[in-house]
Amino acid sequence: MPVFEVYSREGCHLCEILIEELLALLHGRAELHVHDIDSRADWRQEYDLRVPVVELDGTVLCEYSLDRARVLKALSGLADRG
C-alpha cells in the first residue's frame, strides 16, 4: 500500500485540518505517516515555515493546505501502476 508522508508540527491548526481531510481521501487506498518536524533538526530546517507538507515517493504534492485534485491524481496514478 502506498504511503503518503505529512510533515507537521504539534499545535499547528493548519496541520490538523490537512491531516483530517487527507485521511478521508486516503481511506483504504493508502497509508498516512505523520512526522513531527520538531523531532529532528533536518526536518525542522527543511520544513519549518512550510508545514504542513504532503509528499508521496519524495515528491511534494502540497504545502499549507490540501490540494485535493493533486492527491486524487496521485492516487489515480498509483492505481494505474498497480
C-alpha atoms as a PDB file:
ATOM      1  CA  MET A   1       0.000   0.000   0.000  1.00  0.00           C
ATOM      2  CA  PRO A   2       1.408   3.442  -0.901  1.00  0.00           C
ATOM      3  CA  VAL A   3       2.487   5.745   1.901  1.00  0.00           C
ATOM      4  CA  PHE A   4       1.776   9.461   1.962  1.00  0.00           C
ATOM      5  CA  GLU A   5       4.069  11.442   4.275  1.00  0.00           C
ATOM      6  CA  VAL A   6       2.882  14.544   6.116  1.00  0.00           C
ATOM      7  CA  TYR A   7       5.415  16.826   7.773  1.00  0.00           C
ATOM      8  CA  SER A   8       3.730  18.831  10.511  1.00  0.00           C
ATOM      9  CA  ARG A   9       4.233  20.172  13.988  1.00  0.00           C
ATOM     10  CA  GLU A  10       2.358  19.814  17.227  1.00  0.00           C
ATOM     11  CA  GLY A  11      -0.195  22.547  17.825  1.00  0.00           C
ATOM     12  CA  CYS A  12      -0.413  23.514  14.143  1.00  0.00           C
ATOM     13  CA  HIS A  13      -4.072  24.128  13.316  1.00  0.00           C
ATOM     14  CA  LEU A  14      -3.446  24.007   9.546  1.00  0.00           C
ATOM     15  CA  CYS A  15      -1.719  20.652  10.027  1.00  0.00           C
ATOM     16  CA  GLU A  16      -4.641  19.213  11.968  1.00  0.00           C
ATOM     17  CA  ILE A  17      -7.131  20.278   9.280  1.00  0.00           C
ATOM     18  CA  LEU A  18      -4.996  18.930   6.432  1.00  0.00           C
ATOM     19  CA  ILE A  19      -4.438  15.572   8.160  1.00  0.00           C
ATOM     20  CA  GLU A  20      -8.154  15.132   8.832  1.00  0.00           C
ATOM     21  CA  GLU A  21      -9.060  15.926   5.213  1.00  0.00           C
ATOM     22  CA  LEU A  22      -6.257  13.752   3.837  1.00  0.00           C
ATOM     23  CA  LEU A  23      -7.237  10.760   5.954  1.00  0.00           C
ATOM     24  CA  ALA A  24     -10.718  10.886   4.438  1.00  0.00           C
ATOM     25  CA  LEU A  25      -9.275  10.894   0.890  1.00  0.00           C
ATOM     26  CA  LEU A  26      -6.807   8.080   1.544  1.00  0.00           C
ATOM     27  CA  HIS A  27      -9.144   5.796   3.490  1.00  0.00           C
ATOM     28  CA  GLY A  28      -8.437   2.233   2.370  1.00  0.00           C
ATOM     29  CA  ARG A  29      -6.272   3.351  -0.566  1.00  0.00           C
ATOM     30  CA  ALA A  30      -3.026   4.432   1.086  1.00  0.00           C
ATOM     31  CA  GLU A  31      -1.305   4.775   4.428  1.00  0.00           C
ATOM     32  CA  LEU A  32      -0.542   8.073   6.101  1.00  0.00           C
ATOM     33  CA  HIS A  33       2.610   8.683   8.106  1.00  0.00           C
ATOM     34  CA  VAL A  34       2.720  11.923  10.081  1.00  0.00           C
ATOM     35  CA  HIS A  35       6.108  13.304  11.099  1.00  0.00           C
ATOM     36  CA  ASP A  36       6.637  15.990  13.738  1.00  0.00           C
ATOM     37  CA  ILE A  37       9.286  18.224  12.199  1.00  0.00           C
ATOM     38  CA  ASP A  38      10.392  19.410  15.626  1.00  0.00           C
ATOM     39  CA  SER A  39      11.582  15.874  16.459  1.00  0.00           C
ATOM     40  CA  ARG A  40      14.521  16.113  14.034  1.00  0.00           C
ATOM     41  CA  ALA A  41      16.774  19.043  13.216  1.00  0.00           C
ATOM     42  CA  ASP A  42      16.943  18.178   9.494  1.00  0.00           C
ATOM     43  CA  TRP A  43      13.147  18.105   9.181  1.00  0.00           C
ATOM     44  CA  ARG A  44      12.822  21.367  11.099  1.00  0.00           C
ATOM     45  CA  GLN A  45      15.357  23.012   8.789  1.00  0.00           C
ATOM     46  CA  GLU A  46      13.691  21.641   5.633  1.00  0.00           C
ATOM     47  CA  TYR A  47      10.024  22.236   6.509  1.00  0.00           C
ATOM     48  CA  ASP A  48       9.960  24.869   9.282  1.00  0.00           C
ATOM     49  CA  LEU A  49       7.781  27.571   7.702  1.00  0.00           C
ATOM     50  CA  ARG A  50       6.200  25.309   5.058  1.00  0.00           C
ATOM     51  CA  VAL A  51       4.110  22.959   7.235  1.00  0.00           C
ATOM     52  CA  PRO A  52       2.022  21.088   6.623  1.00  0.00           C
ATOM     53  CA  VAL A  53       3.737  19.409   3.672  1.00  0.00           C
ATOM     54  CA  VAL A  54       2.387  16.293   1.920  1.00  0.00           C
ATOM     55  CA  GLU A  55       4.776  14.058  -0.010  1.00  0.00           C
ATOM     56  CA  LEU A  56       4.450  10.840  -1.966  1.00  0.00           C
ATOM     57  CA  ASP A  57       7.597   8.991  -3.033  1.00  0.00           C
ATOM     58  CA  GLY A  58       9.671  12.092  -2.241  1.00  0.00           C
ATOM     59  CA  THR A  59       7.537  14.403  -4.393  1.00  0.00           C
ATOM     60  CA  VAL A  60       5.812  17.329  -2.694  1.00  0.00           C
ATOM     61  CA  LEU A  61       2.107  17.278  -3.529  1.00  0.00           C
ATOM     62  CA  CYS A  62       1.016  20.248  -1.441  1.00  0.00           C
ATOM     63  CA  GLU A  63       2.034  22.707   1.264  1.00  0.00           C
ATOM     64  CA  TYR A  64      -0.033  24.742   3.750  1.00  0.00           C
ATOM     65  CA  SER A  65      -3.383  23.322   2.629  1.00  0.00           C
ATOM     66  CA  LEU A  66      -4.620  20.161   0.974  1.00  0.00           C
ATOM     67  CA  ASP A  67      -4.596  20.119  -2.814  1.00  0.00           C
ATOM     68  CA  ARG A  68      -7.357  17.532  -3.253  1.00  0.00           C
ATOM     69  CA  ALA A  69      -7.029  17.418  -7.030  1.00  0.00           C
ATOM     70  CA  ARG A  70      -3.301  16.697  -6.867  1.00  0.00           C
ATOM     71  CA  VAL A  71      -3.735  13.999  -4.200  1.00  0.00           C
ATOM     72  CA  LEU A  72      -6.542  12.348  -6.175  1.00  0.00           C
ATOM     73  CA  LYS A  73      -4.421  12.475  -9.327  1.00  0.00           C
ATOM     74  CA  ALA A  74      -1.541  10.830  -7.442  1.00  0.00           C
ATOM     75  CA  LEU A  75      -3.892   8.126  -6.153  1.00  0.00           C
ATOM     76  CA  SER A  76      -5.209   7.547  -9.667  1.00  0.00           C
ATOM     77  CA  GLY A  77      -1.658   7.243 -10.967  1.00  0.00           C
ATOM     78  CA  LEU A  78      -0.893   4.675  -8.274  1.00  0.00           C
ATOM     79  CA  ALA A  79      -3.954   2.651  -9.262  1.00  0.00           C
ATOM     80  CA  ASP A  80      -2.836   2.755 -12.903  1.00  0.00           C
ATOM     81  CA  ARG A  81       0.619   1.403 -11.937  1.00  0.00           C
ATOM     82  CA  GLY A  82      -0.764  -1.326  -9.675  1.00  0.00           C
END
